[in-house]
Protein backbone atom coordinates (compact mmCIF):
# COMPACT_ATOMS: atom_id res chain seq x y z
CA MET A 1 78.88 87.89 142.23
CA ASP A 2 80.60 85.62 139.74
CA THR A 3 82.24 87.42 136.81
CA PHE A 4 80.23 85.53 134.19
CA SER A 5 76.91 85.39 136.05
CA PHE A 6 75.52 88.17 133.83
CA ILE A 7 75.28 85.62 130.99
CA PHE A 8 72.25 84.09 132.71
CA THR A 9 70.33 87.35 132.98
CA VAL A 10 67.44 88.57 130.82
CA ALA A 11 69.26 91.87 130.24
CA PHE A 12 72.19 90.08 128.65
CA PHE A 13 70.04 88.15 126.18
CA GLU A 14 68.08 91.30 125.40
CA ALA A 15 71.40 92.88 124.44
CA VAL A 16 72.29 89.83 122.31
CA LEU A 17 69.03 90.02 120.37
CA ARG A 18 69.38 93.78 119.95
CA LEU A 19 72.92 93.45 118.58
CA ALA A 20 71.83 90.61 116.29
CA THR A 21 68.97 92.54 114.64
CA PRO A 22 70.91 94.65 112.09
CA LEU A 23 73.13 91.65 111.34
CA LEU A 24 70.10 89.47 110.69
CA LEU A 25 68.42 92.01 108.40
CA GLY A 26 71.64 92.61 106.47
CA THR A 27 72.41 88.89 106.22
CA LEU A 28 68.97 88.14 104.80
CA GLY A 29 69.53 90.89 102.24
CA VAL A 30 72.90 89.47 101.19
CA LEU A 31 71.40 85.97 101.12
CA LEU A 32 68.72 87.01 98.61
CA CYS A 33 71.34 88.58 96.34
CA GLU A 34 73.72 85.62 96.51
CA ARG A 35 70.99 83.04 96.02
CA ALA A 36 70.43 84.75 92.67
CA GLY A 37 74.16 84.56 91.88
CA VAL A 38 75.20 88.12 92.77
CA LEU A 39 77.72 89.14 95.44
CA ASN A 40 76.68 92.53 96.85
CA LEU A 41 79.68 94.14 98.54
CA GLY A 42 77.79 97.41 98.54
CA ILE A 43 76.06 96.40 101.77
CA GLU A 44 78.30 98.50 104.03
CA GLY A 45 77.49 101.68 102.11
CA ILE A 46 73.82 100.77 101.72
CA MET A 47 73.53 100.35 105.50
CA VAL A 48 75.14 103.76 106.03
CA ALA A 49 72.77 105.35 103.51
CA GLY A 50 69.76 103.62 105.08
CA ALA A 51 70.79 104.76 108.55
CA PHE A 52 71.18 108.37 107.41
CA ALA A 53 68.13 108.57 105.14
CA GLY A 54 65.77 106.94 107.63
CA TRP A 55 66.96 109.16 110.48
CA LEU A 56 66.84 112.34 108.38
CA ALA A 57 63.30 111.54 107.22
CA VAL A 58 62.10 111.14 110.80
CA TYR A 59 63.95 114.29 111.87
CA ALA A 60 62.17 116.13 109.04
CA GLY A 61 58.77 115.06 110.37
CA LEU A 62 57.91 111.61 109.03
CA PRO A 63 56.73 108.91 111.48
CA LEU A 64 59.18 106.19 112.45
CA TRP A 65 57.74 103.64 110.04
CA GLY A 66 57.95 106.30 107.34
CA GLY A 67 61.66 106.55 108.10
CA VAL A 68 61.95 102.78 107.74
CA ALA A 69 60.19 102.98 104.37
CA VAL A 70 62.55 105.75 103.23
CA ALA A 71 65.56 103.69 104.28
CA ALA A 72 64.21 100.68 102.38
CA GLY A 73 63.58 102.86 99.33
CA VAL A 74 67.10 104.31 99.39
CA GLY A 75 68.49 100.80 99.73
CA ALA A 76 66.37 99.62 96.81
CA LEU A 77 67.57 102.53 94.61
CA LEU A 78 71.21 101.74 95.41
CA GLY A 79 70.46 98.10 94.69
CA LEU A 80 69.02 99.10 91.32
CA LEU A 81 72.26 100.94 90.56
CA HIS A 82 74.25 97.88 91.57
CA ALA A 83 72.05 95.69 89.36
CA ALA A 84 72.57 98.02 86.41
CA LEU A 85 76.33 97.61 86.80
CA VAL A 86 76.63 93.88 87.49
CA VAL A 87 73.58 92.55 85.62
CA GLY A 88 73.01 95.04 82.84
CA LEU A 89 76.69 95.76 82.09
CA ALA A 90 78.09 92.50 83.51
CA LEU A 91 80.86 94.36 85.36
CA SER A 92 82.96 92.83 88.13
CA GLN A 93 80.74 92.26 91.16
CA HIS A 94 83.65 92.88 93.53
CA VAL A 95 84.61 96.23 92.01
CA ALA A 96 81.02 97.44 91.57
CA GLY A 97 80.12 96.51 95.15
CA LEU A 98 83.12 98.22 96.69
CA GLY A 99 82.51 101.27 94.51
CA LEU A 100 78.89 101.38 95.66
CA THR A 101 80.00 101.24 99.30
CA LEU A 102 82.36 104.17 98.79
CA LEU A 103 79.73 106.16 96.87
CA ALA A 104 76.87 105.59 99.32
CA THR A 105 79.04 106.28 102.37
CA ALA A 106 80.49 109.46 100.90
CA LEU A 107 77.06 110.77 99.81
CA SER A 108 75.62 110.08 103.27
CA TYR A 109 78.42 111.90 105.08
CA TYR A 110 78.25 114.76 102.57
CA GLY A 111 74.49 114.98 103.00
CA TYR A 112 74.88 115.17 106.76
CA ARG A 113 77.43 117.99 106.49
CA VAL A 114 75.17 119.90 104.10
CA ALA A 115 72.06 119.43 106.25
CA PHE A 116 73.83 120.30 109.52
CA PRO A 117 76.83 122.48 108.69
CA LYS A 118 77.15 124.15 112.09
CA VAL A 119 76.09 121.35 114.43
CA SER A 120 78.78 119.99 116.76
CA SER A 121 76.71 117.05 118.04
CA PRO A 122 74.10 115.09 116.01
CA PRO A 123 70.46 116.14 116.50
CA THR A 124 68.33 113.46 118.11
CA ILE A 125 64.91 111.93 117.41
CA GLU A 126 62.47 109.85 119.45
CA PRO A 127 63.30 106.24 118.48
CA PHE A 128 61.09 103.15 118.52
CA ALA A 129 59.96 102.19 122.02
CA ALA A 130 60.38 98.73 123.50
CA MET A 131 57.44 96.32 123.17
CA GLU A 132 56.85 96.02 126.90
CA TRP A 133 53.35 94.62 126.28
CA LEU A 134 54.78 91.32 125.02
CA PRO A 135 54.64 88.48 127.57
CA ILE A 136 58.02 87.05 126.49
CA PRO A 137 60.76 88.63 128.68
CA VAL A 138 63.57 88.87 126.09
CA LEU A 139 61.27 90.18 123.34
CA ALA A 140 59.62 92.66 125.69
CA GLY A 141 62.83 94.67 125.76
CA GLN A 142 63.06 94.88 121.96
CA THR A 143 61.60 97.28 119.41
CA PRO A 144 59.25 96.39 116.52
CA LEU A 145 62.16 96.24 114.05
CA THR A 146 63.61 93.27 115.94
CA LEU A 147 60.27 91.48 115.72
CA LEU A 148 60.17 92.29 112.00
CA ALA A 149 63.64 90.80 111.53
CA LEU A 150 62.65 87.60 113.34
CA LEU A 151 59.45 87.23 111.30
CA LEU A 152 61.39 87.71 108.08
CA VAL A 153 63.43 84.56 108.73
CA PRO A 154 60.56 82.08 108.19
CA PHE A 155 59.08 84.29 105.48
CA VAL A 156 62.30 84.34 103.42
CA ALA A 157 62.73 80.58 103.97
CA TRP A 158 59.16 79.98 102.79
CA PHE A 159 59.62 82.26 99.81
CA LEU A 160 62.82 80.58 98.66
CA MET A 161 61.70 76.99 99.19
CA ARG A 162 57.94 77.02 98.68
CA THR A 163 57.10 79.54 95.97
CA PRO A 164 57.62 79.53 92.18
CA ALA A 165 59.38 82.90 92.39
CA GLY A 166 61.77 81.53 95.01
CA LEU A 167 62.46 78.47 92.87
CA ALA A 168 63.21 80.73 89.90
CA LEU A 169 65.56 82.83 92.01
CA ARG A 170 67.46 79.77 93.23
CA MET A 171 67.59 78.33 89.71
CA VAL A 172 69.09 81.57 88.38
CA GLY A 173 71.75 81.34 91.08
CA GLU A 174 72.57 77.72 90.26
CA ASN A 175 72.27 77.51 86.48
CA PRO A 176 71.17 80.69 84.72
CA HIS A 177 71.36 79.14 81.25
CA ALA A 178 68.96 76.36 82.27
CA ALA A 179 66.70 78.97 83.84
CA ALA A 180 66.70 80.99 80.64
CA ALA A 181 65.84 77.86 78.68
CA GLN A 182 62.73 77.50 80.87
CA GLY A 183 61.64 81.03 79.99
CA ILE A 184 62.86 82.69 83.19
CA SER A 185 64.32 86.19 82.80
CA VAL A 186 67.76 85.87 84.37
CA GLY A 187 68.41 89.61 84.31
CA GLY A 188 64.98 90.45 85.70
CA THR A 189 65.19 87.86 88.47
CA ARG A 190 68.66 88.93 89.52
CA THR A 191 67.68 92.58 89.47
CA ALA A 192 64.61 91.91 91.61
CA ALA A 193 66.69 89.92 94.11
CA ILE A 194 69.30 92.68 94.36
CA VAL A 195 66.69 95.39 94.83
CA ALA A 196 64.81 93.42 97.51
CA GLY A 197 68.01 92.42 99.27
CA SER A 198 69.34 95.97 99.21
CA ALA A 199 66.06 97.26 100.66
CA LEU A 200 66.61 94.93 103.63
CA MET A 201 70.17 96.25 103.95
CA GLY A 202 68.78 99.78 104.10
CA VAL A 203 66.39 98.75 106.89
CA ALA A 204 69.32 97.13 108.71
CA GLY A 205 71.06 100.50 108.72
CA ALA A 206 67.88 102.29 109.78
CA PHE A 207 67.66 100.04 112.85
CA LEU A 208 70.81 101.69 114.17
CA THR A 209 69.43 105.24 114.01
CA LEU A 210 65.72 104.59 114.63
CA SER A 211 65.91 101.86 117.23
CA ALA A 212 69.33 101.15 118.74
CA PHE A 213 70.27 104.85 118.91
CA ASN A 214 68.45 108.12 118.33
CA ALA A 215 70.93 109.96 116.08
CA PHE A 216 73.23 109.45 113.10
CA TYR A 217 76.96 109.17 113.74
CA PHE A 218 79.87 108.73 111.38
CA ASN A 219 81.22 105.16 111.34
CA MET A 220 78.23 103.86 113.26
CA VAL A 221 77.81 100.89 110.90
CA ASN A 222 81.36 99.95 111.86
CA GLY A 223 81.91 96.95 109.57
CA ARG A 224 78.58 95.24 110.23
CA GLY A 225 78.03 94.93 106.49
CA TRP A 226 81.18 92.86 106.05
CA ILE A 227 80.12 90.64 108.94
CA CYS A 228 76.82 90.01 107.14
CA VAL A 229 78.68 88.84 104.04
CA ALA A 230 80.62 86.35 106.18
CA LEU A 231 77.48 85.23 108.02
CA VAL A 232 75.84 84.19 104.75
CA VAL A 233 78.68 81.72 104.18
CA PHE A 234 78.42 80.55 107.81
CA ALA A 235 74.67 80.02 107.25
CA SER A 236 75.24 78.01 104.04
CA TRP A 237 72.81 80.40 102.35
CA ARG A 238 69.89 79.29 104.57
CA PRO A 239 67.73 81.83 106.48
CA GLY A 240 67.41 79.68 109.62
CA LYS A 241 71.16 79.29 109.95
CA ALA A 242 71.53 83.01 109.27
CA LEU A 243 69.57 83.65 112.46
CA VAL A 244 71.86 81.29 114.38
CA GLY A 245 74.96 82.99 112.96
CA ALA A 246 73.71 86.49 113.79
CA LEU A 247 72.87 85.44 117.35
CA LEU A 248 76.25 83.74 117.76
CA PHE A 249 78.19 86.82 116.70
CA ALA A 250 75.95 89.06 118.80
CA PHE A 251 76.50 86.79 121.81
CA PHE A 252 80.26 87.19 121.55
CA ASP A 253 79.87 90.93 120.96
CA ALA A 254 77.66 91.37 124.03
CA LEU A 255 80.07 89.20 126.01
CA GLN A 256 83.09 91.34 125.16
CA LEU A 257 81.19 94.51 126.07
CA ARG A 258 80.36 93.10 129.50
CA LEU A 259 83.90 91.82 130.03
CA GLN A 260 85.32 95.23 129.11
CA ALA A 261 83.02 96.90 131.62
CA ALA A 262 84.00 94.39 134.30
CA GLY A 263 87.72 94.86 133.63
CA VAL A 264 88.38 91.12 133.94
CA GLY A 265 91.98 90.35 134.79
CA GLY A 266 93.24 93.71 133.60
CA VAL A 267 93.14 92.47 129.99
CA PRO A 268 93.51 95.30 127.42
CA HIS A 269 90.15 96.26 125.95
CA GLN A 270 91.49 95.73 122.42
CA LEU A 271 91.66 92.00 123.08
CA TRP A 272 88.02 91.92 124.14
CA LEU A 273 87.10 93.85 120.97
CA MET A 274 88.81 91.13 118.93
CA LEU A 275 86.92 88.30 120.65
CA PRO A 276 83.70 88.18 118.54
CA TYR A 277 85.65 88.50 115.28
CA VAL A 278 88.20 85.83 116.15
CA LEU A 279 85.56 83.36 117.31
CA SER A 280 83.42 84.12 114.24
CA ILE A 281 86.39 83.47 111.95
CA VAL A 282 86.97 80.12 113.66
CA ALA A 283 83.31 79.19 113.28
CA LEU A 284 83.35 80.34 109.66
CA VAL A 285 86.38 78.21 108.83
CA LEU A 286 84.80 75.15 110.41
CA VAL A 287 81.50 75.55 108.57
CA ALA A 288 82.60 77.01 105.22
CA ARG A 289 84.37 73.83 104.13
CA LYS A 290 81.05 72.03 103.80
CA ALA A 291 79.05 75.00 102.50
CA ALA A 292 77.16 74.35 99.27
CA TYR A 293 77.36 77.75 97.59
CA PRO A 294 75.20 78.79 94.60
CA ARG A 295 77.05 77.52 91.52
CA ALA A 296 76.57 80.70 89.49
CA LEU A 297 77.65 83.03 92.30
CA MET A 298 79.79 85.92 90.97
CA LYS A 299 79.45 84.63 87.41
CA PRO A 300 77.99 87.22 85.01
CA TYR A 301 75.28 85.96 82.67
CA ARG A 302 75.35 86.76 79.00
CA ALA A 303 72.61 85.32 76.80
CA GLY A 304 73.92 82.81 74.29
CA GLU A 305 77.22 82.22 76.07
CA ARG A 306 78.26 78.99 77.80
């Protein structure tokens, strides 16, 4: 059997789509925030909090979709905190985002230690089952959260491009003073975008504990939040391209996992781990030069100032 023949199997592309799901959900969340002019570097911590809160809720007795709702709610609350700092107080978006990541991660790990002080291995739950009833082979091996992520791509695109609320959000991200002159609440629009985007980030984290795995582990998010921030630039702030970027990174990630398992050429596994990141950086450099970013991104808005 040829070393790379696994690329042409259904199982491989099922793995690609599964790996892409949390990236896609997180990227859509970041995209909503940045389209409104706000960089949300709290995504890494929000994903950790969503993963923990959703899993803990299901472990406590809620149904799986209840756990997803809890994760979205926790993400939205953290987004509201972020909005209070960067919109209400006009603080540095970089500093506030990194601080939020540290806070959410620390609270999640602390909450786990308090809830399970004497447990050596994480308790498990029954995660979402695969949708084997679907007639499409690759989708049949996925869970409902993957289908939700895929459906959100056209929905977010439609919302941004075809609705008055989406137009207001994009206008706030391009020229908040002009938006304010048209009677649009810049602070309210940005806050709503951050809350909605952070809710999606929370669901992205919940996918890891309620779908991909069946327990909560420390460091399970493993930098996926930072990848989402980079994928938004790769996607030029467009939902359709965000899907392509998430699938591209997931393809390289699934590839390196298979190559590690095959032990190709005796190459150290660390080099295979680097592969998706190196190739993603190359793709990002090639695309980012032509990216048309929101003009008011990372610029605080203060009424009356120019």
